[in-house]
Protein backbone atom coordinates (compact mmCIF):
# COMPACT_ATOMS: atom_id res chain seq x y z
CA MET A 1 0.00 0.00 0.00
CA SER A 2 1.41 3.38 -0.95
CA ALA A 3 1.57 6.33 1.44
CA SER A 4 -0.73 8.40 -0.76
CA SER A 5 -3.58 5.88 -0.66
CA ALA A 6 -3.62 5.43 3.12
CA GLY A 7 -6.46 7.10 5.04
CA PRO A 8 -6.03 8.52 8.52
CA THR A 9 -7.34 5.33 10.08
CA ASP A 10 -6.03 2.84 7.48
CA LEU A 11 -3.20 0.45 8.29
CA PRO A 12 -1.61 -2.39 6.34
CA THR A 13 -3.44 -5.51 7.43
CA ASP A 14 -0.20 -7.47 8.02
CA ILE A 15 0.82 -5.17 10.91
CA GLY A 16 -1.65 -7.21 12.94
CA VAL A 17 -3.53 -4.43 14.72
CA THR A 18 -6.30 -2.08 13.71
CA ALA A 19 -6.16 1.68 13.65
CA HIS A 20 -8.82 1.73 16.34
CA VAL A 21 -6.50 -0.11 18.71
CA LEU A 22 -3.59 2.22 17.99
CA ASN A 23 -5.82 5.24 18.53
CA THR A 24 -6.49 4.09 22.10
CA ILE A 25 -2.75 4.27 22.88
CA GLN A 26 -1.87 7.54 24.62
CA HIS A 27 1.63 7.61 23.12
CA PRO A 28 2.21 9.02 19.61
CA VAL A 29 2.72 6.26 17.02
CA ILE A 30 3.81 6.96 13.44
CA MET A 31 4.99 4.86 10.51
CA VAL A 32 7.69 6.16 8.16
CA ASN A 33 8.28 4.57 4.75
CA GLY A 34 11.59 4.10 2.95
CA ALA A 35 11.40 7.54 1.34
CA GLY A 36 11.06 9.16 4.76
CA ASN A 37 7.38 10.03 4.32
CA ILE A 38 5.03 9.67 7.27
CA SER A 39 2.54 7.06 6.08
CA TYR A 40 0.48 6.68 9.29
CA ALA A 41 -0.15 8.61 12.50
CA ASN A 42 -2.49 7.78 15.38
CA TRP A 43 -4.56 10.37 17.23
CA ALA A 44 -1.89 10.90 19.90
CA ALA A 45 0.62 11.66 17.14
CA GLU A 46 -1.72 14.26 15.69
CA ASN A 47 -1.83 15.95 19.09
CA PHE A 48 1.95 15.70 19.53
CA PHE A 49 2.78 17.25 16.15
CA GLY A 50 -0.15 19.66 16.27
CA VAL A 51 -1.48 18.77 12.81
CA SER A 52 -3.84 16.21 11.29
CA ALA A 53 -2.76 12.83 9.98
CA ASP A 54 -3.64 13.97 6.45
CA LEU A 55 -1.20 16.87 6.72
CA LEU A 56 1.49 14.71 8.30
CA ARG A 57 1.35 12.31 5.34
CA ARG A 58 2.26 15.16 3.00
CA HIS A 59 5.63 15.61 4.69
CA THR A 60 8.78 13.68 5.47
CA ILE A 61 9.83 12.93 9.03
CA ASP A 62 12.84 15.27 8.84
CA GLN A 63 10.46 18.22 8.31
CA TYR A 64 9.07 17.63 11.81
CA THR A 65 12.36 17.08 13.63
CA PRO A 66 15.21 19.44 14.56
CA PHE A 67 18.26 19.61 12.30
CA GLY A 68 20.58 16.67 13.01
CA SER A 69 17.99 14.96 15.23
CA PRO A 70 19.04 11.58 16.71
CA LEU A 71 15.68 10.21 15.53
CA LEU A 72 16.83 10.26 11.91
CA ALA A 73 20.00 8.34 12.76
CA LEU A 74 17.93 5.84 14.74
CA ILE A 75 15.68 5.20 11.75
CA ASP A 76 18.72 4.52 9.54
CA HIS A 77 20.21 2.22 12.17
CA VAL A 78 16.99 0.21 12.51
CA ARG A 79 16.84 -0.26 8.73
CA GLU A 80 20.44 -1.48 8.67
CA ARG A 81 20.19 -3.99 11.52
CA ARG A 82 16.51 -4.92 10.93
CA GLY A 83 15.84 -4.86 14.65
CA PRO A 84 14.18 -2.51 17.17
CA ILE A 85 16.06 0.17 19.12
CA ASN A 86 15.18 2.19 22.23
CA GLU A 87 16.60 5.65 22.85
CA TYR A 88 15.92 7.67 25.99
CA ARG A 89 15.57 11.41 26.67
CA VAL A 90 15.69 12.59 23.06
CA ASP A 91 14.96 16.29 22.57
CA LEU A 92 12.65 16.88 19.60
CA SER A 93 11.96 20.52 20.48
CA SER A 94 11.72 22.80 17.46
CA PRO A 95 9.90 25.99 16.43
CA LYS A 96 7.48 23.94 14.34
CA LEU A 97 6.52 21.64 17.24
CA GLY A 98 6.60 24.40 19.86
CA GLY A 99 7.43 24.00 23.54
CA GLU A 100 9.50 21.32 25.25
CA LYS A 101 9.37 17.93 23.48
CA LEU A 102 11.52 15.50 25.49
CA VAL A 103 10.70 11.89 24.59
CA ASP A 104 11.77 8.28 24.86
CA LEU A 105 11.86 6.60 21.44
CA TYR A 106 11.10 3.07 20.32
CA VAL A 107 11.86 2.47 16.64
CA ALA A 108 11.20 -0.90 14.99
CA PRO A 109 11.11 -2.26 11.41
CA VAL A 110 7.73 -3.21 9.99
CA SER A 111 8.07 -6.89 9.19
CA GLY A 112 6.16 -8.16 6.21
CA GLU A 113 5.63 -4.74 4.63
CA ALA A 114 5.93 -6.05 1.05
CA ASP A 115 5.54 -2.70 -0.71
CA ASP A 116 8.25 -1.03 1.33
CA GLU A 117 10.62 -3.17 3.36
CA ASP A 118 12.28 -0.05 4.79
CA SER A 119 9.16 1.10 6.65
CA VAL A 120 9.61 1.63 10.39
CA VAL A 121 7.22 2.27 13.26
CA ILE A 122 8.14 4.93 15.81
CA VAL A 123 6.59 5.13 19.28
CA LEU A 124 7.24 8.34 21.20
CA GLN A 125 6.81 8.30 24.97
CA VAL A 126 6.59 11.88 26.14
CA ARG A 127 8.73 12.33 29.24
CA THR A 128 7.15 15.61 30.32
CA MET A 129 5.07 14.10 33.11
CA ALA A 130 7.89 11.96 34.53
CA ASP A 131 10.31 14.86 34.46
CA LYS A 132 7.82 17.17 36.13
CA ILE A 133 7.21 14.61 38.85
CA ASP A 134 10.97 14.53 39.43
CA ARG A 135 10.98 18.31 39.57
CA GLN A 136 8.12 18.18 42.06
CA LEU A 137 10.27 16.10 44.41
CA THR A 138 13.03 18.66 43.95
CA HIS A 139 10.59 21.44 44.83
CA ARG A 140 9.69 19.61 48.05
CA ALA A 141 13.37 19.34 48.97
CA ALA A 142 13.79 23.04 48.29
CA ALA A 143 10.77 23.77 50.46
CA ARG A 144 12.37 21.81 53.29
CA SER A 145 15.49 23.98 52.99
CA VAL A 146 13.26 27.05 53.23
CA THR A 147 11.72 25.51 56.36
CA GLY A 148 15.08 25.54 58.12
CA LEU A 149 15.85 29.03 56.86
CA ALA A 150 12.47 30.32 58.06
CA SER A 151 13.02 28.93 61.56
CA MET A 152 16.42 30.60 61.74
CA LEU A 153 15.10 33.91 60.44
CA ALA A 154 12.24 33.94 62.92
CA HIS A 155 14.67 33.83 65.84
CA GLU A 156 17.64 35.73 64.49
CA ILE A 157 16.01 38.50 62.46
CA LYS A 158 12.48 39.26 63.66
CA ASN A 159 13.52 40.25 67.17
CA PRO A 160 16.23 42.74 66.07
CA LEU A 161 13.84 44.12 63.45
CA SER A 162 11.28 44.79 66.14
CA GLY A 163 13.88 46.87 68.00
CA ILE A 164 14.85 48.76 64.84
CA ARG A 165 11.23 49.58 64.12
CA GLY A 166 10.62 50.78 67.64
CA ALA A 167 13.67 53.03 67.52
CA ALA A 168 12.49 54.52 64.23
CA GLN A 169 9.11 55.30 65.76
CA LEU A 170 10.74 57.10 68.70
CA LEU A 171 12.94 59.14 66.36
CA GLU A 172 9.98 60.07 64.19
CA SER A 173 8.49 62.31 66.87
CA SER A 174 11.72 64.28 67.43
CA VAL A 175 13.08 64.97 63.93
CA ASN A 176 12.24 67.44 61.18
CA ASP A 177 10.02 66.63 58.20
CA GLU A 178 12.92 65.70 55.94
CA ASP A 179 14.36 63.21 58.44
CA ARG A 180 10.85 61.95 59.29
CA ALA A 181 10.61 60.59 55.75
CA LEU A 182 13.74 58.52 56.45
CA THR A 183 12.35 57.12 59.70
CA ARG A 184 9.15 56.14 57.88
CA LEU A 185 11.27 54.42 55.24
CA ILE A 186 13.06 52.44 57.96
CA ARG A 187 9.72 51.48 59.52
CA ASP A 188 8.15 50.45 56.20
CA GLU A 189 11.17 48.36 55.18
CA THR A 190 11.29 46.54 58.50
CA ASP A 191 7.58 45.79 58.13
CA ARG A 192 8.23 44.42 54.65
CA ILE A 193 11.03 42.14 55.88
CA VAL A 194 8.90 40.87 58.78
CA SER A 195 6.07 40.14 56.34
CA LEU A 196 8.50 38.17 54.15
CA VAL A 197 9.72 36.13 57.14
CA ASP A 198 6.13 35.47 58.18
CA ARG A 199 5.38 34.12 54.71
CA MET A 200 8.45 31.88 54.89
CA GLU A 201 7.35 30.54 58.29
CA VAL A 202 4.41 28.89 56.55
CA PHE A 203 6.93 26.39 55.15
CA SER A 204 7.94 25.32 58.67
CA ASP A 205 4.38 24.44 59.66
CA GLU A 206 4.39 20.63 59.58
CA ARG A 207 1.18 20.11 61.55
CA PRO A 208 -1.27 17.61 60.00
CA VAL A 209 -3.87 19.31 57.85
CA ASP A 210 -7.57 18.89 58.59
CA ARG A 211 -8.92 17.41 55.37
CA GLN A 212 -12.32 16.30 54.17
CA PRO A 213 -14.13 15.71 50.85
CA VAL A 214 -14.28 19.08 49.09
CA ASN A 215 -16.30 20.29 46.10
CA ILE A 216 -13.57 21.82 43.96
CA HIS A 217 -16.10 23.84 41.97
CA SER A 218 -17.27 25.68 45.09
CA VAL A 219 -13.60 26.48 45.80
CA LEU A 220 -13.03 27.80 42.28
CA ASP A 221 -16.26 29.82 42.34
CA HIS A 222 -15.14 31.43 45.60
CA VAL A 223 -11.72 32.23 44.15
CA LYS A 224 -13.33 33.70 41.04
CA ALA A 225 -15.61 35.93 43.14
CA VAL A 226 -12.65 37.22 45.19
CA ALA A 227 -10.57 37.83 42.06
CA MET A 228 -13.31 39.66 40.15
CA ALA A 229 -14.03 41.87 43.15
CA GLY A 230 -10.37 42.88 43.37
CA PHE A 231 -7.18 42.22 41.43
CA ALA A 232 -8.86 40.69 38.33
CA ARG A 233 -11.88 42.99 38.01
CA ASP A 234 -10.93 43.95 34.44
CA ILE A 235 -10.14 40.41 33.26
CA ARG A 236 -12.62 37.91 31.87
CA ILE A 237 -12.68 34.69 33.91
CA SER A 238 -14.43 31.71 32.33
CA GLU A 239 -15.03 28.13 33.49
CA GLN A 240 -14.98 24.74 31.83
CA TYR A 241 -16.05 22.27 34.52
CA ASP A 242 -16.73 18.54 34.55
CA PRO A 243 -20.01 18.45 36.53
CA SER A 244 -19.63 14.76 37.43
CA LEU A 245 -16.23 15.17 39.08
CA PRO A 246 -15.75 13.25 42.38
CA PHE A 247 -14.67 14.82 45.66
CA VAL A 248 -11.09 15.86 46.27
CA PHE A 249 -9.80 14.99 49.74
CA ALA A 250 -8.32 18.29 50.85
CA ASN A 251 -8.35 21.28 53.13
CA ARG A 252 -10.73 23.81 51.62
CA ASP A 253 -8.93 26.89 52.95
CA GLN A 254 -5.58 25.70 51.62
CA LEU A 255 -7.08 24.97 48.20
CA ILE A 256 -8.46 28.51 48.14
CA GLN A 257 -4.96 29.77 48.95
CA VAL A 258 -3.48 27.70 46.11
CA PHE A 259 -5.92 28.88 43.46
CA LEU A 260 -5.89 32.50 44.63
CA ASN A 261 -2.11 32.44 44.14
CA LEU A 262 -2.43 30.95 40.65
CA VAL A 263 -5.24 33.27 39.52
CA LYS A 264 -3.42 36.31 40.91
CA ASN A 265 -0.25 35.29 39.05
CA ALA A 266 -2.29 34.85 35.87
CA SER A 267 -3.90 38.27 36.22
CA GLU A 268 -0.51 39.92 36.80
CA ALA A 269 0.90 38.14 33.74
CA ILE A 270 -1.99 39.44 31.60
CA GLY A 271 -1.60 42.97 32.95
CA ASP A 272 -3.54 45.61 31.04
CA ALA A 273 -4.09 43.51 27.90
CA ALA A 274 -7.52 44.29 26.44
CA ASP A 275 -8.20 40.65 25.51
CA GLY A 276 -6.99 39.19 28.82
CA GLU A 277 -8.73 35.98 29.84
CA ILE A 278 -8.30 33.39 32.58
CA MET A 279 -9.96 29.99 32.26
CA LEU A 280 -10.60 27.60 35.15
CA THR A 281 -11.03 23.97 34.12
CA THR A 282 -11.67 20.66 35.87
CA ALA A 283 -11.51 17.18 34.36
CA TYR A 284 -11.15 13.49 35.21
CA ARG A 285 -7.97 11.94 33.75
CA PRO A 286 -7.76 8.25 34.74
CA GLY A 287 -4.34 7.61 33.18
CA ILE A 288 -2.03 9.24 35.76
CA ARG A 289 -0.55 7.00 38.50
CA LEU A 290 2.39 7.86 40.75
CA SER A 291 4.63 5.98 43.17
CA VAL A 292 4.95 7.86 46.46
CA PRO A 293 7.37 7.34 49.36
CA GLY A 294 6.06 5.08 52.13
CA SER A 295 3.60 3.20 49.94
CA ARG A 296 4.02 0.10 47.80
CA GLU A 297 0.95 0.95 45.79
CA LYS A 298 0.83 3.53 43.05
CA VAL A 299 -1.45 6.43 43.82
CA SER A 300 -3.93 7.49 41.18
CA LEU A 301 -4.11 11.22 40.46
CA PRO A 302 -7.15 11.47 38.19
CA LEU A 303 -8.45 14.90 39.24
CA GLU A 304 -7.09 17.65 37.01
CA PHE A 305 -7.60 21.32 37.89
CA CYS A 306 -6.15 23.98 35.57
CA VAL A 307 -5.67 27.74 35.61
CA ILE A 308 -5.06 28.93 32.04
CA ASP A 309 -4.22 32.45 30.94
CA ASN A 310 -3.45 34.11 27.61
CA GLY A 311 -0.58 36.21 28.89
CA PRO A 312 2.93 36.35 27.39
CA GLY A 313 4.04 33.08 28.98
CA VAL A 314 6.93 32.03 31.22
CA PRO A 315 10.51 32.38 29.92
CA ASP A 316 11.97 28.99 28.90
CA ASP A 317 14.99 29.34 31.17
CA LEU A 318 12.74 29.98 34.18
CA LEU A 319 10.22 27.20 33.56
CA PRO A 320 12.21 24.30 35.14
CA HIS A 321 12.73 26.32 38.35
CA LEU A 322 9.34 27.99 38.55
CA PHE A 323 8.30 26.34 41.83
CA ASP A 324 11.63 26.84 43.57
CA PRO A 325 11.68 29.40 46.42
CA PHE A 326 12.79 32.95 45.58
CA ILE A 327 12.32 32.46 41.82
CA THR A 328 10.24 35.30 40.35
CA THR A 329 9.90 37.58 37.33
CA LYS A 330 8.15 40.31 39.33
CA THR A 331 10.05 43.45 40.24
CA ASN A 332 8.81 43.38 43.83
CA GLY A 333 7.99 39.68 44.07
CA SER A 334 9.28 37.44 46.86
CA GLY A 335 9.30 34.23 44.80
CA LEU A 336 7.45 32.32 47.53
CA GLY A 337 3.92 32.16 46.07
CA LEU A 338 4.45 29.25 43.68
CA ALA A 339 6.80 27.49 46.12
CA LEU A 340 3.95 27.58 48.64
CA VAL A 341 1.53 26.26 45.99
CA ALA A 342 3.89 23.32 45.36
CA LYS A 343 4.21 22.66 49.10
CA ILE A 344 0.45 22.63 49.72
CA VAL A 345 -0.31 20.47 46.68
CA GLY A 346 2.51 18.08 47.59
CA ALA A 347 1.22 17.81 51.17
CA HIS A 348 -2.13 16.73 49.70
CA GLY A 349 -0.46 13.95 47.70
CA GLY A 350 -0.71 15.77 44.37
CA ILE A 351 1.60 17.43 41.87
CA VAL A 352 1.55 20.80 40.14
CA GLU A 353 3.10 21.58 36.77
CA CYS A 354 3.27 24.39 34.27
CA ASP A 355 3.16 24.33 30.47
CA SER A 356 3.80 27.69 28.90
CA GLN A 357 4.00 29.28 25.49
CA ASN A 358 3.09 32.68 24.14
CA LYS A 359 -0.60 33.43 24.73
CA LYS A 360 -1.20 30.20 26.66
CA THR A 361 0.14 29.32 30.09
CA VAL A 362 -1.37 26.34 31.89
CA PHE A 363 -0.88 25.63 35.59
CA ARG A 364 -2.13 22.07 36.06
CA ILE A 365 -2.79 20.42 39.42
CA LEU A 366 -3.30 16.64 39.64
CA MET A 367 -4.78 15.28 42.87
CA PRO A 368 -6.22 12.01 44.23
CA VAL A 369 -9.92 11.31 44.66
CA SER A 370 -11.36 11.18 48.15
CA LYS A 371 -11.73 7.50 49.03
CA GLY A 372 -15.24 6.16 49.27
CA THR A 373 -16.84 9.03 47.36
CA ALA A 374 -18.18 9.07 43.84
CA LEU A 375 -20.54 12.03 43.61
CA TRP A 376 -20.67 15.67 44.57
CA PRO A 377 -22.24 16.47 47.96
CA ASP A 378 -25.41 18.48 47.83
CA ASP A 379 -25.15 22.11 48.94
CA ASN A 380 -26.97 21.49 52.24
CA ALA A 381 -24.65 18.65 53.25
CA GLU A 382 -21.59 20.72 52.48
CA ALA A 383 -22.95 23.71 54.37
CA LYS A 384 -23.53 21.52 57.45
CA ALA A 385 -19.99 20.19 57.19
C-alpha cells in the first residue's frame, strides 16, 4: 500500500492491529516509509505534532524534527540492523513543534511490509510528566530547605527588626520633616522584611492538615468571586467544569490559597491587555498513576484542575525552576507564592506543573480522589460540614 492511498485510520493488514486499537494508545505512534514520508499517524501523534494525519502524510519525518535529530540516525540504524532500538531522553523541540518535546523513542522495522521493506514504526513516549514529577520532588526538597531558613530567620532577624522599628518610631516624633521621611522608610522596610519572614514561616508548619471531601467547583467559584471583586476585576474569567467530578480529599482553605495564588499570578501576567482571559477547568484523567514514598501501591491522580491564561508566557529558562523558592519575574515579588503552591499540593499527595507558550500558560494540578466518594455532595450537606 502506498503512502498516498492510506487514510487517517487505514493500516496495512499485516501489521496485525487495527487503527482503532492504535488510537487508544496515549503515546504518539507513526509509521515512516523508505522515502522518509510519514505514512500513518495515530490520534496521539496528531496531538503531539499539532497537525492532522492527512497533513502529516504530506511531509517527510525530517520536516518535523530538529536539524541533526538523533531520531533520523535511529531510523537509519533500525533499517540497517533490521531490529528494534530504544533511545531515551531525546529532545525533539523545534519551532514547528513548539514548547518542550523531550521523549523516549522506540523504533522498529515493519516486518512483512511487502511494498516497502524499509518502513519503520516509531513510538514516542513523552517524558514531560515523569520529568515534572521529578521536579516536584526537587521542589519539596527546596521547600524543606526554606523551612530551616524560616526557623532561623524567625529567631535571628524578627527580634532585632522589632527593635529597629521601635527606635524609628521614637525618632519620628523628634526629627524634622525631611528626616521623618527617612524614619518612615526604615519602619516600612522593617515591616516588609517581617512580612516576608512570616510568609516563609508557613513552610515550617508541619502540623497535619484537617482534610475532608471538598467540592472543587465551590472552591473555584469562591476564588473567582474574590478575584473579580479585586485584582482581576478587568479580566474575563471563564469556566470549563466537569459536573460529574468526584470529591477531592483536601483542606478547603488551603485549596483557596493555592488557586488564589495561581489566579493572581495569571492576572498579573496578563496585565492591562484588552483581551486578557483566565480559564478555570476541571476534568477526570484516569491515566495518571504515581509511586509515592512510604507506599508500595501507586497512587492514582485522576483529578485535574487547571488555571489557564493568555498572557505572554513564562521564559523557557525559568520554567524548570518555577516552583523553587525565591524564583520570580516580578520586580517586587518574593518568589514564595508558587513554592507555597507546590508545598500545599505536595502535602495533599498531588503534583503541580506548568506548560507555557506565548498566549497560553497552563498551571495544572493533579490530585487524588477522596476514598469512598463518587458524587458531589449536595449544597446542604456541604454547608452543614
